[in-house]
N, C-alpha and C. Protein backbone atom coordinates (compact mmCIF):
# COMPACT_ATOMS: atom_id res chain seq x y z
N MET A 1 0.76 -0.87 0.71
CA MET A 1 -0.14 0.25 -0.31
C MET A 1 0.24 1.12 -0.03
N SER A 2 0.52 1.91 -0.84
CA SER A 2 1.15 3.41 -1.27
C SER A 2 1.30 4.14 0.48
N THR A 3 2.19 4.81 0.70
CA THR A 3 1.49 6.11 1.20
C THR A 3 0.79 6.83 1.52
N ASP A 4 0.56 7.41 0.28
CA ASP A 4 -1.09 8.56 0.70
C ASP A 4 -2.48 7.07 0.87
N SER A 5 -1.72 6.00 0.07
CA SER A 5 -3.25 4.95 0.72
C SER A 5 -3.42 5.69 1.94
N LYS A 6 -2.40 5.10 3.12
CA LYS A 6 -2.12 4.79 4.18
C LYS A 6 -2.17 6.17 5.03
N ASP A 7 -1.96 7.30 4.52
CA ASP A 7 -1.86 8.20 5.44
C ASP A 7 -3.75 8.62 5.00
N ASP A 8 -4.50 8.27 3.90
CA ASP A 8 -6.31 8.76 3.70
C ASP A 8 -6.53 7.94 4.82
N LEU A 9 -6.30 6.45 5.45
CA LEU A 9 -6.60 5.81 5.90
C LEU A 9 -6.74 6.63 6.83
N VAL A 10 -5.63 7.59 7.50
CA VAL A 10 -5.49 7.26 8.33
C VAL A 10 -7.01 8.97 9.54
N PHE A 11 -6.39 10.36 7.67
CA PHE A 11 -6.47 10.60 8.67
C PHE A 11 -8.93 10.56 8.52
N LYS A 12 -8.97 9.66 7.38
CA LYS A 12 -10.40 9.33 7.60
C LYS A 12 -10.97 8.55 8.72
N ALA A 13 -9.89 7.93 9.67
CA ALA A 13 -9.85 7.50 10.79
C ALA A 13 -10.15 8.27 11.32
N LEU A 14 -8.84 9.65 12.17
CA LEU A 14 -9.07 10.42 12.43
C LEU A 14 -9.67 11.72 11.97
N ALA A 15 -10.82 12.00 10.44
CA ALA A 15 -11.76 13.10 10.69
C ALA A 15 -13.43 12.43 12.14
N ASN A 16 -13.26 11.93 12.42
CA ASN A 16 -14.75 11.42 13.40
C ASN A 16 -14.17 11.45 14.54
N GLY A 17 -14.82 12.48 15.27
CA GLY A 17 -14.58 12.69 16.38
C GLY A 17 -14.92 10.66 17.37
N LEU A 18 -15.69 10.74 17.50
CA LEU A 18 -15.82 8.93 18.24
C LEU A 18 -15.04 8.84 17.97
N ARG A 19 -14.28 8.32 16.65
CA ARG A 19 -12.62 7.38 16.70
C ARG A 19 -11.42 8.40 17.50
N ARG A 20 -11.98 9.72 17.83
CA ARG A 20 -10.90 9.77 17.80
C ARG A 20 -10.83 9.86 19.74
N GLN A 21 -12.63 10.29 20.98
CA GLN A 21 -12.13 9.74 21.53
C GLN A 21 -11.94 8.67 22.56
N MET A 22 -12.51 7.26 21.50
CA MET A 22 -11.57 6.08 21.02
C MET A 22 -10.42 5.83 22.00
N LEU A 23 -9.19 6.55 20.37
CA LEU A 23 -8.12 7.18 20.33
C LEU A 23 -7.29 7.21 21.90
N ASP A 24 -8.23 7.88 22.43
CA ASP A 24 -7.93 8.40 23.78
C ASP A 24 -8.00 8.27 24.92
N ALA A 25 -9.12 7.10 24.54
CA ALA A 25 -9.30 5.96 26.47
C ALA A 25 -8.01 4.81 25.95
N MET A 26 -7.56 4.82 24.83
CA MET A 26 -7.07 4.04 24.93
C MET A 26 -5.26 4.31 24.83
N GLN A 27 -5.10 5.62 24.84
CA GLN A 27 -4.31 6.54 25.20
C GLN A 27 -3.29 5.80 26.71
N ARG A 28 -4.33 5.83 27.83
CA ARG A 28 -4.35 5.49 29.11
C ARG A 28 -3.59 4.56 29.38
N ALA A 29 -4.56 3.67 28.46
CA ALA A 29 -4.38 1.88 28.72
C ALA A 29 -4.93 1.11 27.73
N PRO A 30 -4.25 0.09 27.67
CA PRO A 30 -4.93 -1.00 26.42
C PRO A 30 -6.43 -0.30 26.88
N GLN A 31 -7.35 -0.78 25.89
CA GLN A 31 -8.73 -0.94 26.28
C GLN A 31 -9.41 -2.34 25.87
N THR A 32 -10.47 -3.40 26.51
CA THR A 32 -10.66 -4.36 25.35
C THR A 32 -11.85 -4.22 24.79
N THR A 33 -12.94 -4.43 23.57
CA THR A 33 -14.06 -4.46 23.44
C THR A 33 -14.81 -4.24 23.98
N GLY A 34 -15.49 -4.71 25.42
CA GLY A 34 -16.20 -4.66 26.14
C GLY A 34 -15.87 -3.30 26.50
N MET A 35 -14.63 -3.12 27.52
CA MET A 35 -14.31 -1.56 28.27
C MET A 35 -14.88 -0.56 27.41
N LEU A 36 -14.92 -0.72 26.14
CA LEU A 36 -14.89 0.63 25.20
C LEU A 36 -16.31 0.98 24.96
N CYS A 37 -17.72 -0.67 25.26
CA CYS A 37 -18.76 -0.75 24.82
C CYS A 37 -19.21 -0.01 25.95
N ASP A 38 -18.74 -0.42 27.35
CA ASP A 38 -19.12 0.65 28.40
C ASP A 38 -19.18 1.88 28.44
N ARG A 39 -17.46 2.30 28.21
CA ARG A 39 -17.94 3.69 28.23
C ARG A 39 -18.47 3.94 26.96
N PHE A 40 -19.07 3.80 25.99
CA PHE A 40 -19.35 5.01 24.92
C PHE A 40 -20.55 3.76 25.21
N SER A 41 -22.01 3.26 26.26
CA SER A 41 -22.65 3.20 26.64
C SER A 41 -23.95 3.62 25.14
N ASN A 42 -23.76 4.79 24.86
CA ASN A 42 -24.72 5.63 23.90
C ASN A 42 -24.69 4.41 22.30
N LEU A 43 -23.85 4.23 22.86
CA LEU A 43 -23.91 3.39 21.00
C LEU A 43 -23.76 1.57 21.21
N ASP A 44 -24.08 0.59 20.16
CA ASP A 44 -24.56 -0.77 20.25
C ASP A 44 -23.26 -0.82 20.05
N ARG A 45 -22.60 -2.66 20.33
CA ARG A 45 -22.01 -2.89 19.75
C ARG A 45 -21.46 -3.33 19.49
N CYS A 46 -22.38 -3.87 18.01
CA CYS A 46 -21.83 -3.71 16.25
C CYS A 46 -20.76 -2.68 16.67
N THR A 47 -21.27 -0.62 15.92
CA THR A 47 -20.79 0.73 16.21
C THR A 47 -19.81 0.67 16.42
N VAL A 48 -20.10 0.20 18.56
CA VAL A 48 -18.44 0.62 17.98
C VAL A 48 -17.51 -0.39 17.82
N MET A 49 -17.40 -2.03 17.36
CA MET A 49 -16.90 -2.54 16.60
C MET A 49 -16.22 -2.56 15.61
N GLN A 50 -17.34 -1.28 14.86
CA GLN A 50 -17.23 -0.31 12.65
C GLN A 50 -16.09 0.64 13.54
N HIS A 51 -16.23 1.38 14.26
CA HIS A 51 -15.08 1.91 14.01
C HIS A 51 -13.79 1.32 14.86
N LEU A 52 -14.06 0.27 15.49
CA LEU A 52 -12.50 -0.39 16.01
C LEU A 52 -11.54 -0.88 14.28
N LYS A 53 -12.57 -1.64 13.83
CA LYS A 53 -12.26 -1.97 12.67
C LYS A 53 -11.72 -0.88 11.33
N VAL A 54 -11.90 0.70 11.68
CA VAL A 54 -11.58 2.03 11.09
C VAL A 54 -10.41 1.65 10.89
N LEU A 55 -10.23 1.94 12.73
CA LEU A 55 -9.30 2.28 14.01
C LEU A 55 -8.10 0.95 12.98
N GLU A 56 -8.29 -0.59 12.99
CA GLU A 56 -7.21 -1.26 12.77
C GLU A 56 -7.05 -1.11 11.56
N GLN A 57 -7.58 -0.95 10.17
CA GLN A 57 -7.34 -0.63 8.86
C GLN A 57 -6.01 0.62 8.77
N ALA A 58 -6.97 1.17 9.97
CA ALA A 58 -5.29 3.03 9.55
C ALA A 58 -4.51 2.30 10.60
N GLU A 59 -4.24 1.26 10.83
CA GLU A 59 -3.37 0.65 12.18
C GLU A 59 -3.17 1.90 13.10
N LEU A 60 -4.23 2.44 13.27
CA LEU A 60 -4.17 2.66 14.72
C LEU A 60 -4.78 2.30 15.97
N VAL A 61 -4.27 1.46 16.00
CA VAL A 61 -5.00 0.18 16.41
C VAL A 61 -4.94 -0.64 16.50
N LEU A 62 -3.50 -2.00 16.93
CA LEU A 62 -3.35 -3.15 17.18
C LEU A 62 -4.52 -3.93 17.86
N VAL A 63 -4.14 -4.98 17.07
CA VAL A 63 -4.98 -6.45 18.19
C VAL A 63 -4.55 -7.26 19.15
N ARG A 64 -4.87 -7.43 20.41
CA ARG A 64 -4.00 -9.16 20.46
C ARG A 64 -5.66 -9.62 21.21
N ARG A 65 -5.55 -11.43 21.38
CA ARG A 65 -6.30 -11.11 21.96
C ARG A 65 -5.73 -11.96 22.99
N GLU A 66 -6.85 -12.51 24.15
CA GLU A 66 -6.55 -13.37 25.13
C GLU A 66 -7.39 -14.01 25.22
N GLY A 67 -8.06 -14.98 25.22
CA GLY A 67 -9.03 -15.82 24.95
C GLY A 67 -10.14 -15.27 24.37
N ARG A 68 -11.10 -15.15 24.78
CA ARG A 68 -12.89 -14.65 25.17
C ARG A 68 -12.41 -12.53 24.24
N GLU A 69 -11.47 -12.85 24.79
CA GLU A 69 -11.30 -10.89 24.92
C GLU A 69 -10.71 -10.37 23.99
N ARG A 70 -10.45 -9.32 23.41
CA ARG A 70 -9.93 -8.82 22.64
C ARG A 70 -9.03 -7.43 22.70
N TRP A 71 -8.49 -7.01 23.24
CA TRP A 71 -7.41 -6.31 23.37
C TRP A 71 -6.93 -5.03 22.66
N ASN A 72 -7.61 -4.09 22.26
CA ASN A 72 -6.92 -2.56 21.76
C ASN A 72 -5.61 -1.45 21.66
N HIS A 73 -4.58 -1.64 21.55
CA HIS A 73 -3.97 -0.62 21.89
C HIS A 73 -3.88 0.03 21.09
N LEU A 74 -3.29 1.55 21.41
CA LEU A 74 -3.37 2.47 20.47
C LEU A 74 -2.23 2.52 19.61
N ASN A 75 -1.87 2.77 18.67
CA ASN A 75 -0.36 2.95 17.91
C ASN A 75 -0.65 4.28 16.97
N ALA A 76 0.64 4.92 17.76
CA ALA A 76 0.23 6.64 17.28
C ALA A 76 1.94 6.72 16.55
N LEU A 77 2.74 5.32 16.22
CA LEU A 77 3.10 5.84 14.92
C LEU A 77 2.31 6.62 13.76
N PRO A 78 1.53 6.05 12.77
CA PRO A 78 0.69 6.48 12.14
C PRO A 78 0.94 8.10 12.46
N ILE A 79 0.15 8.30 13.22
CA ILE A 79 0.16 9.72 13.65
C ILE A 79 1.56 10.87 13.71
N GLN A 80 2.36 9.69 14.10
CA GLN A 80 3.72 10.73 13.68
C GLN A 80 4.31 10.37 13.08
N ALA A 81 3.73 9.91 12.21
CA ALA A 81 3.72 9.66 10.62
C ALA A 81 3.66 10.65 9.73
N ILE A 82 2.00 11.27 9.91
CA ILE A 82 1.00 12.30 10.08
C ILE A 82 2.24 13.58 10.07
N HIS A 83 2.12 13.38 11.20
CA HIS A 83 2.41 15.12 12.07
C HIS A 83 3.91 15.26 10.52
N ASN A 84 5.52 14.25 11.07
CA ASN A 84 6.76 14.38 10.25
C ASN A 84 5.64 14.86 8.28
N ARG A 85 4.80 13.86 8.07
CA ARG A 85 5.13 13.94 6.10
C ARG A 85 4.65 15.10 6.34
N TRP A 86 3.77 15.94 7.31
CA TRP A 86 2.60 17.36 6.76
C TRP A 86 2.64 17.98 8.22
N ILE A 87 2.73 18.56 9.11
CA ILE A 87 2.32 19.15 10.18
C ILE A 87 3.87 19.59 10.44
N SER A 88 4.82 19.29 10.40
CA SER A 88 6.06 19.58 11.32
C SER A 88 6.38 20.65 9.52
N GLN A 89 6.16 19.43 8.15
CA GLN A 89 7.00 20.50 6.95
C GLN A 89 6.21 21.92 6.84
N TYR A 90 4.75 22.47 7.44
CA TYR A 90 4.24 23.29 7.38
C TYR A 90 3.91 24.31 8.29
N ALA A 91 4.30 23.68 9.40
CA ALA A 91 4.28 24.54 10.51
C ALA A 91 5.71 25.27 10.67
N GLY A 92 7.13 24.88 9.97
CA GLY A 92 8.04 25.63 10.14
C GLY A 92 7.93 26.93 9.41
N HIS A 93 7.40 26.40 7.97
CA HIS A 93 7.37 27.38 6.90
C HIS A 93 6.48 29.21 7.42
N ALA A 94 5.01 28.70 8.31
CA ALA A 94 4.29 29.20 8.52
C ALA A 94 5.18 30.07 9.79
N MET A 95 6.13 29.34 10.95
CA MET A 95 7.06 29.89 11.59
C MET A 95 7.75 30.67 10.89
N SER A 96 8.12 30.68 10.25
CA SER A 96 9.42 32.34 9.30
C SER A 96 8.82 33.26 8.34
N VAL A 97 7.27 33.05 7.94
CA VAL A 97 6.35 33.46 8.12
C VAL A 97 6.44 34.79 8.69
N LEU A 98 5.65 33.88 9.47
CA LEU A 98 4.75 34.81 10.96
C LEU A 98 5.99 35.73 11.61
N SER A 99 7.00 35.18 11.85
CA SER A 99 8.18 35.88 12.66
C SER A 99 8.93 37.27 11.14
N ALA A 100 8.91 36.57 10.11
CA ALA A 100 9.39 38.07 9.24
C ALA A 100 8.22 38.74 9.43
N LEU A 101 6.92 38.46 9.30
CA LEU A 101 5.92 40.11 9.65
C LEU A 101 5.75 40.79 10.66
N GLN A 102 6.43 39.50 11.58
CA GLN A 102 6.98 39.93 12.96
C GLN A 102 8.12 40.98 12.83
N GLN A 103 9.32 40.90 12.39
CA GLN A 103 10.00 41.92 11.82
C GLN A 103 10.14 43.70 11.26
N GLU A 104 8.82 43.35 10.41
CA GLU A 104 8.05 44.24 9.88
C GLU A 104 7.25 45.22 10.96
N LEU A 105 6.76 44.61 10.91
CA LEU A 105 5.83 45.60 12.64
C LEU A 105 6.80 45.82 13.35
N ASP A 106 8.06 45.48 13.52
CA ASP A 106 8.66 45.53 14.68
C ASP A 106 9.45 47.39 14.49
N GLU A 107 9.75 46.68 12.82
CA GLU A 107 11.05 48.16 11.82
C GLU A 107 9.94 48.93 11.20
N ALA A 108 8.76 48.62 11.35
CA ALA A 108 8.03 49.93 10.77
C ALA A 108 7.42 51.42 11.46
N PRO A 109 7.44 52.17 10.86
CA PRO A 109 7.86 53.59 11.80
C PRO A 109 5.79 53.80 12.31
N GLU A 110 6.40 54.37 13.71
CA GLU A 110 4.44 54.49 13.54
C GLU A 110 4.01 55.84 14.06
């Protein structure tokens, strides 16, 4: 799978607020699917599983099975890759533009 395709899956997964909340829950500690169902009790188990599937396809969640339990672990590496590829490059450029603007404002006669 190409890098762009992987990025698309990550952006799609992160575009949904509920999935971001699930990732937040897994940031503190791995969660079983049952734990996530309890945490998001307004959703049925099938809906939780559908969201987990999208996160798993984007490789944001790694699954480990222990008996009947499915443990969902946060994998932050795809988010780091997005940051490295997109955010850090553009943030550096934006900071240089803002710095130049600030310098011009400081040097401008009042």
